Amino acid sequence: MGRSTVIALVLPLLPVTAASLVGCDSGSQGGSTTLPAGANATVVRVIDGDTIDADFAGTIERIRLIGVDTPETKKPDTPVQCFGPEASTHTTELLPPDTPIRVERDAEARDDYGRLLGYVYRSGDGLFVNLDLAIGGYARPLTIEPNSTFADQFVDAARRAQAAGTGLWASCSG
C-alpha cells in the first residue's frame, strides 16, 4: 500500500467485532463482562501514540488508528522521535486499561502487519481519539487509500495545530 492523494470517498462505517473480523463465534466463551451501549471492545494497553491493544469479547486485537501518525517510540531500529513519548502518554491518558471503546473500520480491515485498522471512540463520551490526536498536535495526518473517510478532518485538524504551534508542531523541527 502506498500513500496517495486524498479523494472524497463515501463508505459506510461498519462496527468491528471479533465475530466479523477475526472469525470468532459471537457466542464465544469469553468473560461475562458487559460493555456499555455503543462499545464493542475494551482497552487492554496502549502500545504507542497510534497503536493500542483491545479486547473484543475475549479476543485481543492490536489496533492501528487510521488517518494519523504519531512519532515513533517503539519501532525496531528507529530512535525515539521528537514528541513520541508525549503522544504515547496522551493516548494512555485518553485510553487507560479497561476503557470501553467503539472501534469502527473503513474499507480495509487490516494493514500489512495484520493489525486491525480502526477509528476509535471512547464510549463514555464519544471522544474520537484519532481526531483528538491531530487536534492536539500529537499526530500528523496519514492517508492511505482506500481508508480515507475522515482524511479531510485529520488534515484540517493538523493544519490548525501547526498554525497554532501546538504539540509536536512547537517542539519538533522538520
N, C-alpha and C. Protein backbone atom coordinates (compact mmCIF):
# COMPACT_ATOMS: atom_id res chain seq x y z
N MET A 1 0.83 -1.17 0.00
CA MET A 1 0.00 0.00 0.00
C MET A 1 0.88 1.23 0.00
N GLY A 2 0.62 2.13 -0.88
CA GLY A 2 1.38 3.35 -0.92
C GLY A 2 0.53 4.52 -0.50
N ARG A 3 1.17 5.63 -0.25
CA ARG A 3 0.45 6.84 0.07
C ARG A 3 -0.08 7.42 -1.23
N SER A 4 -1.21 8.04 -1.18
CA SER A 4 -1.77 8.68 -2.36
C SER A 4 -2.54 9.91 -1.94
N THR A 5 -2.92 10.67 -2.92
CA THR A 5 -3.67 11.88 -2.61
C THR A 5 -5.04 11.51 -2.08
N VAL A 6 -5.58 12.42 -1.30
CA VAL A 6 -6.87 12.19 -0.68
C VAL A 6 -7.95 12.45 -1.72
N ILE A 7 -8.89 11.53 -1.84
CA ILE A 7 -10.06 11.75 -2.68
C ILE A 7 -11.29 11.53 -1.83
N ALA A 8 -12.36 12.18 -2.21
CA ALA A 8 -13.60 12.02 -1.46
C ALA A 8 -14.09 10.60 -1.65
N LEU A 9 -14.45 9.96 -0.57
CA LEU A 9 -14.89 8.59 -0.62
C LEU A 9 -15.99 8.43 0.41
N VAL A 10 -17.12 7.98 -0.01
CA VAL A 10 -18.23 7.78 0.91
C VAL A 10 -18.38 6.29 1.12
N LEU A 11 -18.09 5.85 2.33
CA LEU A 11 -18.17 4.44 2.68
C LEU A 11 -18.95 4.29 3.97
N PRO A 12 -19.75 3.27 4.08
CA PRO A 12 -20.39 3.05 5.37
C PRO A 12 -19.35 2.59 6.37
N LEU A 13 -19.45 3.07 7.59
CA LEU A 13 -18.55 2.61 8.63
C LEU A 13 -19.22 1.42 9.30
N LEU A 14 -18.50 0.34 9.37
CA LEU A 14 -19.05 -0.87 9.94
C LEU A 14 -18.42 -1.14 11.28
N PRO A 15 -19.22 -1.48 12.29
CA PRO A 15 -18.62 -1.78 13.58
C PRO A 15 -17.69 -2.98 13.47
N VAL A 16 -16.58 -2.90 14.15
CA VAL A 16 -15.64 -4.00 14.19
C VAL A 16 -16.03 -4.90 15.35
N THR A 17 -16.23 -6.14 15.08
CA THR A 17 -16.49 -7.08 16.15
C THR A 17 -15.59 -8.28 15.97
N ALA A 18 -15.32 -8.96 17.03
CA ALA A 18 -14.49 -10.16 16.92
C ALA A 18 -15.12 -11.14 15.94
N ALA A 19 -16.42 -11.26 15.96
CA ALA A 19 -17.09 -12.22 15.09
C ALA A 19 -16.92 -11.85 13.62
N SER A 20 -16.97 -10.56 13.29
CA SER A 20 -16.93 -10.18 11.88
C SER A 20 -15.53 -10.07 11.33
N LEU A 21 -14.53 -9.88 12.17
CA LEU A 21 -13.19 -9.65 11.64
C LEU A 21 -12.17 -10.73 11.96
N VAL A 22 -12.39 -11.48 12.98
CA VAL A 22 -11.39 -12.48 13.33
C VAL A 22 -11.95 -13.88 13.31
N GLY A 23 -13.16 -14.04 12.79
CA GLY A 23 -13.72 -15.37 12.61
C GLY A 23 -14.13 -16.05 13.90
N CYS A 24 -14.42 -15.28 14.92
CA CYS A 24 -14.83 -15.88 16.19
C CYS A 24 -16.34 -16.02 16.22
N ASP A 25 -16.80 -16.99 16.90
CA ASP A 25 -18.23 -17.17 17.13
C ASP A 25 -18.70 -16.09 18.08
N SER A 26 -19.77 -15.39 17.74
CA SER A 26 -20.23 -14.31 18.60
C SER A 26 -20.68 -14.80 19.96
N GLY A 27 -20.91 -16.07 20.08
CA GLY A 27 -21.26 -16.63 21.37
C GLY A 27 -20.07 -17.25 22.05
N SER A 28 -18.88 -16.71 21.80
CA SER A 28 -17.67 -17.29 22.37
C SER A 28 -17.72 -17.30 23.88
N GLN A 29 -16.90 -18.12 24.46
CA GLN A 29 -16.92 -18.29 25.90
C GLN A 29 -15.94 -17.37 26.58
N GLY A 30 -15.96 -16.09 26.19
CA GLY A 30 -15.11 -15.11 26.85
C GLY A 30 -15.68 -14.80 28.22
N GLY A 31 -15.14 -13.78 28.84
CA GLY A 31 -15.61 -13.38 30.15
C GLY A 31 -17.05 -12.90 30.08
N SER A 32 -17.64 -12.69 31.23
CA SER A 32 -19.03 -12.27 31.27
C SER A 32 -19.16 -10.75 31.36
N THR A 33 -18.09 -10.04 30.99
CA THR A 33 -18.10 -8.59 31.06
C THR A 33 -19.16 -8.03 30.12
N THR A 34 -19.97 -7.12 30.62
CA THR A 34 -20.97 -6.46 29.82
C THR A 34 -20.44 -5.09 29.45
N LEU A 35 -20.44 -4.79 28.15
CA LEU A 35 -19.95 -3.50 27.67
C LEU A 35 -21.09 -2.49 27.68
N PRO A 36 -20.77 -1.22 27.91
CA PRO A 36 -21.80 -0.19 27.83
C PRO A 36 -22.35 -0.10 26.40
N ALA A 37 -23.53 0.45 26.26
CA ALA A 37 -24.14 0.63 24.95
C ALA A 37 -23.18 1.38 24.04
N GLY A 38 -23.02 0.91 22.82
CA GLY A 38 -22.15 1.54 21.85
C GLY A 38 -20.72 1.05 21.86
N ALA A 39 -20.30 0.35 22.88
CA ALA A 39 -18.93 -0.17 22.95
C ALA A 39 -18.89 -1.56 22.33
N ASN A 40 -17.77 -1.88 21.68
CA ASN A 40 -17.58 -3.24 21.19
C ASN A 40 -16.25 -3.83 21.64
N ALA A 41 -15.52 -3.10 22.49
CA ALA A 41 -14.23 -3.59 23.00
C ALA A 41 -13.84 -2.79 24.24
N THR A 42 -12.81 -3.27 24.91
CA THR A 42 -12.20 -2.51 26.00
C THR A 42 -10.70 -2.44 25.75
N VAL A 43 -10.09 -1.36 26.19
CA VAL A 43 -8.66 -1.17 26.02
C VAL A 43 -7.92 -2.12 26.95
N VAL A 44 -6.93 -2.80 26.42
CA VAL A 44 -6.04 -3.64 27.22
C VAL A 44 -4.80 -2.83 27.58
N ARG A 45 -4.18 -2.22 26.55
CA ARG A 45 -2.98 -1.40 26.78
C ARG A 45 -2.75 -0.50 25.58
N VAL A 46 -2.03 0.58 25.82
CA VAL A 46 -1.57 1.46 24.75
C VAL A 46 -0.15 1.02 24.40
N ILE A 47 0.09 0.79 23.13
CA ILE A 47 1.43 0.39 22.67
C ILE A 47 2.27 1.63 22.43
N ASP A 48 1.72 2.57 21.67
CA ASP A 48 2.35 3.87 21.45
C ASP A 48 1.24 4.84 21.08
N GLY A 49 1.58 5.99 20.56
CA GLY A 49 0.59 7.03 20.33
C GLY A 49 -0.53 6.66 19.38
N ASP A 50 -0.27 5.78 18.41
CA ASP A 50 -1.29 5.44 17.42
C ASP A 50 -1.61 3.95 17.33
N THR A 51 -1.24 3.20 18.35
CA THR A 51 -1.48 1.76 18.35
C THR A 51 -1.89 1.30 19.75
N ILE A 52 -2.98 0.53 19.81
CA ILE A 52 -3.46 0.01 21.09
C ILE A 52 -3.79 -1.48 20.95
N ASP A 53 -3.89 -2.14 22.07
CA ASP A 53 -4.45 -3.49 22.12
C ASP A 53 -5.81 -3.38 22.77
N ALA A 54 -6.80 -4.10 22.20
CA ALA A 54 -8.16 -4.06 22.73
C ALA A 54 -8.71 -5.47 22.80
N ASP A 55 -9.61 -5.66 23.74
CA ASP A 55 -10.27 -6.95 23.97
C ASP A 55 -11.67 -6.91 23.39
N PHE A 56 -11.89 -7.76 22.38
CA PHE A 56 -13.20 -7.93 21.76
C PHE A 56 -13.76 -9.26 22.27
N ALA A 57 -14.51 -9.22 23.36
CA ALA A 57 -15.16 -10.42 23.91
C ALA A 57 -14.18 -11.59 24.05
N GLY A 58 -13.01 -11.32 24.60
CA GLY A 58 -12.04 -12.38 24.86
C GLY A 58 -10.98 -12.54 23.79
N THR A 59 -11.08 -11.84 22.68
CA THR A 59 -10.07 -11.87 21.63
C THR A 59 -9.31 -10.56 21.65
N ILE A 60 -8.00 -10.63 21.89
CA ILE A 60 -7.17 -9.44 21.94
C ILE A 60 -6.70 -9.11 20.52
N GLU A 61 -6.91 -7.88 20.12
CA GLU A 61 -6.51 -7.40 18.80
C GLU A 61 -5.62 -6.18 18.94
N ARG A 62 -4.58 -6.10 18.13
CA ARG A 62 -3.78 -4.89 18.02
C ARG A 62 -4.46 -3.98 17.00
N ILE A 63 -4.70 -2.72 17.38
CA ILE A 63 -5.41 -1.77 16.53
C ILE A 63 -4.49 -0.61 16.19
N ARG A 64 -4.35 -0.36 14.90
CA ARG A 64 -3.62 0.81 14.39
C ARG A 64 -4.65 1.87 14.05
N LEU A 65 -4.56 3.03 14.69
CA LEU A 65 -5.51 4.10 14.44
C LEU A 65 -5.36 4.62 13.02
N ILE A 66 -6.46 4.67 12.29
CA ILE A 66 -6.46 5.11 10.90
C ILE A 66 -6.32 6.63 10.83
N GLY A 67 -5.55 7.09 9.85
CA GLY A 67 -5.54 8.50 9.48
C GLY A 67 -4.57 9.40 10.21
N VAL A 68 -3.90 8.87 11.23
CA VAL A 68 -2.95 9.68 11.99
C VAL A 68 -1.67 8.89 12.19
N ASP A 69 -0.58 9.62 12.34
CA ASP A 69 0.72 9.01 12.56
C ASP A 69 1.44 9.78 13.65
N THR A 70 1.63 9.14 14.79
CA THR A 70 2.36 9.78 15.88
C THR A 70 3.84 9.45 15.76
N PRO A 71 4.71 10.28 16.33
CA PRO A 71 6.13 9.98 16.29
C PRO A 71 6.44 8.64 16.95
N GLU A 72 7.43 7.96 16.41
CA GLU A 72 7.78 6.60 16.87
C GLU A 72 8.40 6.60 18.26
N THR A 73 8.05 5.56 19.02
CA THR A 73 8.71 5.32 20.31
C THR A 73 9.18 3.88 20.44
N LYS A 74 8.61 2.97 19.66
CA LYS A 74 8.92 1.55 19.84
C LYS A 74 9.25 0.82 18.55
N LYS A 75 9.45 1.52 17.46
CA LYS A 75 9.75 0.88 16.18
C LYS A 75 11.18 0.34 16.23
N PRO A 76 11.35 -0.95 15.93
CA PRO A 76 12.70 -1.54 15.97
C PRO A 76 13.67 -0.78 15.06
N ASP A 77 14.89 -0.64 15.52
CA ASP A 77 15.97 0.02 14.78
C ASP A 77 15.67 1.48 14.43
N THR A 78 14.78 2.10 15.18
CA THR A 78 14.44 3.50 14.98
C THR A 78 14.55 4.22 16.32
N PRO A 79 15.27 5.34 16.35
CA PRO A 79 15.35 6.06 17.63
C PRO A 79 13.99 6.64 18.00
N VAL A 80 13.81 6.89 19.28
CA VAL A 80 12.60 7.56 19.75
C VAL A 80 12.56 8.94 19.09
N GLN A 81 11.43 9.26 18.46
CA GLN A 81 11.32 10.50 17.72
C GLN A 81 10.77 11.62 18.59
N CYS A 82 11.06 12.84 18.16
CA CYS A 82 10.60 14.03 18.86
C CYS A 82 9.09 13.97 19.07
N PHE A 83 8.66 14.16 20.29
CA PHE A 83 7.27 14.21 20.74
C PHE A 83 6.60 12.83 20.77
N GLY A 84 7.36 11.77 20.50
CA GLY A 84 6.81 10.42 20.60
C GLY A 84 6.36 10.06 22.00
N PRO A 85 7.20 10.28 23.01
CA PRO A 85 6.77 9.96 24.37
C PRO A 85 5.53 10.74 24.80
N GLU A 86 5.46 12.00 24.39
CA GLU A 86 4.30 12.81 24.75
C GLU A 86 3.03 12.28 24.08
N ALA A 87 3.15 11.86 22.82
CA ALA A 87 1.99 11.29 22.11
C ALA A 87 1.54 9.99 22.77
N SER A 88 2.49 9.15 23.14
CA SER A 88 2.15 7.89 23.82
C SER A 88 1.48 8.16 25.16
N THR A 89 2.00 9.12 25.90
CA THR A 89 1.41 9.47 27.19
C THR A 89 -0.01 10.01 27.01
N HIS A 90 -0.21 10.84 26.00
CA HIS A 90 -1.54 11.40 25.77
C HIS A 90 -2.54 10.29 25.44
N THR A 91 -2.15 9.37 24.57
CA THR A 91 -3.05 8.27 24.23
C THR A 91 -3.34 7.41 25.46
N THR A 92 -2.33 7.19 26.29
CA THR A 92 -2.52 6.43 27.52
C THR A 92 -3.49 7.14 28.46
N GLU A 93 -3.40 8.47 28.53
CA GLU A 93 -4.33 9.23 29.37
C GLU A 93 -5.76 9.16 28.81
N LEU A 94 -5.89 9.18 27.48
CA LEU A 94 -7.22 9.09 26.86
C LEU A 94 -7.83 7.70 27.01
N LEU A 95 -6.97 6.67 26.96
CA LEU A 95 -7.45 5.28 26.91
C LEU A 95 -6.76 4.40 27.94
N PRO A 96 -7.01 4.65 29.22
CA PRO A 96 -6.42 3.76 30.23
C PRO A 96 -6.99 2.35 30.10
N PRO A 97 -6.30 1.35 30.65
CA PRO A 97 -6.83 -0.03 30.58
C PRO A 97 -8.27 -0.11 31.07
N ASP A 98 -9.03 -0.97 30.42
CA ASP A 98 -10.44 -1.24 30.72
C ASP A 98 -11.40 -0.15 30.25
N THR A 99 -10.91 0.84 29.50
CA THR A 99 -11.80 1.86 28.95
C THR A 99 -12.66 1.21 27.87
N PRO A 100 -13.98 1.31 27.97
CA PRO A 100 -14.84 0.81 26.90
C PRO A 100 -14.71 1.71 25.67
N ILE A 101 -14.54 1.09 24.52
CA ILE A 101 -14.39 1.83 23.27
C ILE A 101 -15.28 1.23 22.18
N ARG A 102 -15.52 2.04 21.18
CA ARG A 102 -16.16 1.57 19.96
C ARG A 102 -15.11 1.69 18.86
N VAL A 103 -14.89 0.61 18.15
CA VAL A 103 -13.94 0.61 17.05
C VAL A 103 -14.74 0.43 15.77
N GLU A 104 -14.50 1.33 14.83
CA GLU A 104 -15.14 1.24 13.52
C GLU A 104 -14.06 1.14 12.47
N ARG A 105 -14.37 0.44 11.40
CA ARG A 105 -13.39 0.27 10.35
C ARG A 105 -13.76 1.11 9.14
N ASP A 106 -12.85 1.12 8.19
CA ASP A 106 -13.08 1.79 6.91
C ASP A 106 -13.08 0.68 5.86
N ALA A 107 -12.56 0.94 4.68
CA ALA A 107 -12.63 -0.03 3.58
C ALA A 107 -11.81 -1.28 3.82
N GLU A 108 -10.60 -1.13 4.35
CA GLU A 108 -9.74 -2.28 4.61
C GLU A 108 -9.68 -2.53 6.11
N ALA A 109 -9.82 -3.79 6.48
CA ALA A 109 -9.86 -4.14 7.90
C ALA A 109 -8.48 -4.22 8.54
N ARG A 110 -7.45 -4.61 7.77
CA ARG A 110 -6.12 -4.84 8.35
C ARG A 110 -5.03 -4.22 7.50
N ASP A 111 -3.90 -3.91 8.18
CA ASP A 111 -2.75 -3.40 7.45
C ASP A 111 -1.81 -4.55 7.09
N ASP A 112 -0.69 -4.22 6.48
CA ASP A 112 0.26 -5.25 6.04
C ASP A 112 0.89 -6.01 7.21
N TYR A 113 0.76 -5.51 8.42
CA TYR A 113 1.31 -6.16 9.61
C TYR A 113 0.26 -6.98 10.35
N GLY A 114 -0.94 -7.06 9.80
CA GLY A 114 -2.01 -7.83 10.42
C GLY A 114 -2.77 -7.09 11.50
N ARG A 115 -2.44 -5.82 11.71
CA ARG A 115 -3.16 -5.05 12.73
C ARG A 115 -4.52 -4.64 12.21
N LEU A 116 -5.50 -4.61 13.11
CA LEU A 116 -6.81 -4.09 12.79
C LEU A 116 -6.66 -2.59 12.55
N LEU A 117 -7.28 -2.08 11.52
CA LEU A 117 -7.26 -0.64 11.24
C LEU A 117 -8.57 -0.06 11.74
N GLY A 118 -8.50 0.96 12.60
CA GLY A 118 -9.75 1.42 13.18
C GLY A 118 -9.80 2.89 13.54
N TYR A 119 -11.03 3.37 13.53
CA TYR A 119 -11.37 4.65 14.12
C TYR A 119 -11.85 4.31 15.53
N VAL A 120 -11.24 4.92 16.53
CA VAL A 120 -11.52 4.56 17.93
C VAL A 120 -12.24 5.70 18.62
N TYR A 121 -13.34 5.35 19.27
CA TYR A 121 -14.16 6.30 20.02
C TYR A 121 -14.27 5.80 21.46
N ARG A 122 -14.07 6.70 22.43
CA ARG A 122 -14.36 6.34 23.82
C ARG A 122 -15.86 6.25 23.95
N SER A 123 -16.37 5.16 24.48
CA SER A 123 -17.82 5.02 24.53
C SER A 123 -18.46 5.90 25.60
N GLY A 124 -17.73 6.25 26.65
CA GLY A 124 -18.31 7.06 27.71
C GLY A 124 -18.74 8.44 27.27
N ASP A 125 -17.93 9.08 26.41
CA ASP A 125 -18.25 10.45 25.99
C ASP A 125 -18.20 10.63 24.47
N GLY A 126 -17.92 9.56 23.73
CA GLY A 126 -17.90 9.63 22.28
C GLY A 126 -16.67 10.30 21.68
N LEU A 127 -15.64 10.57 22.51
CA LEU A 127 -14.44 11.23 22.00
C LEU A 127 -13.85 10.42 20.85
N PHE A 128 -13.61 11.07 19.72
CA PHE A 128 -12.99 10.46 18.54
C PHE A 128 -11.49 10.58 18.75
N VAL A 129 -10.87 9.50 19.21
CA VAL A 129 -9.47 9.51 19.63
C VAL A 129 -8.55 9.88 18.47
N ASN A 130 -8.76 9.31 17.29
CA ASN A 130 -7.90 9.61 16.14
C ASN A 130 -7.86 11.12 15.89
N LEU A 131 -9.03 11.75 15.88
CA LEU A 131 -9.11 13.18 15.62
C LEU A 131 -8.51 13.99 16.77
N ASP A 132 -8.71 13.56 18.00
CA ASP A 132 -8.14 14.26 19.15
C ASP A 132 -6.62 14.34 19.04
N LEU A 133 -5.99 13.27 18.56
CA LEU A 133 -4.53 13.27 18.41
C LEU A 133 -4.07 14.34 17.42
N ALA A 134 -4.81 14.50 16.32
CA ALA A 134 -4.46 15.53 15.33
C ALA A 134 -4.73 16.93 15.87
N ILE A 135 -5.86 17.11 16.53
CA ILE A 135 -6.22 18.42 17.09
C ILE A 135 -5.18 18.89 18.10
N GLY A 136 -4.71 17.99 18.94
CA GLY A 136 -3.76 18.34 19.99
C GLY A 136 -2.32 18.43 19.54
N GLY A 137 -2.06 18.19 18.26
CA GLY A 137 -0.69 18.25 17.77
C GLY A 137 0.15 17.05 18.18
N TYR A 138 -0.49 15.94 18.48
CA TYR A 138 0.23 14.72 18.83
C TYR A 138 0.50 13.84 17.62
N ALA A 139 -0.16 14.15 16.49
CA ALA A 139 -0.04 13.30 15.29
C ALA A 139 -0.10 14.13 14.03
N ARG A 140 0.56 13.63 13.02
CA ARG A 140 0.43 14.16 11.66
C ARG A 140 -0.64 13.36 10.94
N PRO A 141 -1.29 13.94 9.95
CA PRO A 141 -2.25 13.14 9.18
C PRO A 141 -1.50 12.13 8.31
N LEU A 142 -2.09 10.97 8.14
CA LEU A 142 -1.53 9.92 7.29
C LEU A 142 -2.68 9.27 6.55
N THR A 143 -2.76 9.53 5.25
CA THR A 143 -3.85 8.98 4.45
C THR A 143 -3.31 7.86 3.58
N ILE A 144 -3.84 6.69 3.77
CA ILE A 144 -3.51 5.54 2.94
C ILE A 144 -4.82 5.02 2.37
N GLU A 145 -4.98 5.21 1.07
CA GLU A 145 -6.21 4.75 0.42
C GLU A 145 -6.30 3.23 0.53
N PRO A 146 -7.49 2.72 0.62
CA PRO A 146 -8.78 3.38 0.49
C PRO A 146 -9.38 3.82 1.83
N ASN A 147 -8.61 3.78 2.91
CA ASN A 147 -9.11 4.14 4.24
C ASN A 147 -8.96 5.65 4.45
N SER A 148 -9.89 6.41 3.89
CA SER A 148 -9.73 7.87 3.91
C SER A 148 -11.01 8.62 4.26
N THR A 149 -11.94 7.97 4.90
CA THR A 149 -13.23 8.60 5.18
C THR A 149 -13.09 9.93 5.92
N PHE A 150 -12.21 10.03 6.89
CA PHE A 150 -12.05 11.24 7.68
C PHE A 150 -10.77 12.01 7.35
N ALA A 151 -10.15 11.72 6.24
CA ALA A 151 -8.86 12.32 5.89
C ALA A 151 -8.90 13.84 5.90
N ASP A 152 -9.93 14.43 5.34
CA ASP A 152 -10.03 15.89 5.31
C ASP A 152 -10.06 16.47 6.72
N GLN A 153 -10.76 15.81 7.62
CA GLN A 153 -10.84 16.29 9.00
C GLN A 153 -9.48 16.20 9.69
N PHE A 154 -8.75 15.11 9.46
CA PHE A 154 -7.43 14.96 10.07
C PHE A 154 -6.45 16.00 9.53
N VAL A 155 -6.48 16.24 8.22
CA VAL A 155 -5.60 17.23 7.62
C VAL A 155 -5.93 18.62 8.16
N ASP A 156 -7.21 18.96 8.23
CA ASP A 156 -7.63 20.27 8.74
C ASP A 156 -7.20 20.44 10.20
N ALA A 157 -7.40 19.42 11.01
CA ALA A 157 -7.02 19.50 12.42
C ALA A 157 -5.51 19.68 12.58
N ALA A 158 -4.74 18.95 11.78
CA ALA A 158 -3.27 19.07 11.86
C ALA A 158 -2.81 20.45 11.40
N ARG A 159 -3.43 20.97 10.36
CA ARG A 159 -3.07 22.32 9.89
C ARG A 159 -3.34 23.36 10.98
N ARG A 160 -4.47 23.21 11.66
CA ARG A 160 -4.80 24.16 12.74
C ARG A 160 -3.80 24.04 13.90
N ALA A 161 -3.44 22.80 14.24
CA ALA A 161 -2.46 22.60 15.31
C ALA A 161 -1.11 23.18 14.92
N GLN A 162 -0.73 22.98 13.67
CA GLN A 162 0.54 23.53 13.19
C GLN A 162 0.52 25.06 13.22
N ALA A 163 -0.56 25.66 12.74
CA ALA A 163 -0.68 27.12 12.73
C ALA A 163 -0.65 27.70 14.15
N ALA A 164 -1.19 26.95 15.10
CA ALA A 164 -1.22 27.41 16.49
C ALA A 164 0.06 27.06 17.25
N GLY A 165 0.95 26.29 16.60
CA GLY A 165 2.18 25.88 17.29
C GLY A 165 1.89 24.94 18.44
N THR A 166 0.97 24.01 18.21
CA THR A 166 0.53 23.08 19.24
C THR A 166 1.29 21.75 19.14
N GLY A 167 1.66 21.20 20.29
CA GLY A 167 2.24 19.86 20.35
C GLY A 167 3.53 19.73 19.58
N LEU A 168 3.59 18.69 18.74
CA LEU A 168 4.82 18.42 18.02
C LEU A 168 5.20 19.55 17.08
N TRP A 169 4.21 20.33 16.65
CA TRP A 169 4.48 21.44 15.74
C TRP A 169 5.31 22.53 16.44
N ALA A 170 5.23 22.62 17.76
CA ALA A 170 6.04 23.60 18.51
C ALA A 170 7.37 23.01 18.93
N SER A 171 7.41 21.69 19.12
CA SER A 171 8.57 21.06 19.72
C SER A 171 9.56 20.45 18.74
N CYS A 172 9.12 20.14 17.53
CA CYS A 172 9.94 19.39 16.60
C CYS A 172 10.17 20.19 15.33
N SER A 173 11.40 20.22 14.89
CA SER A 173 11.67 20.90 13.62
C SER A 173 11.60 19.87 12.49
N GLY A 174 11.24 20.35 11.31
CA GLY A 174 11.23 19.48 10.13
C GLY A 174 9.97 18.78 9.89
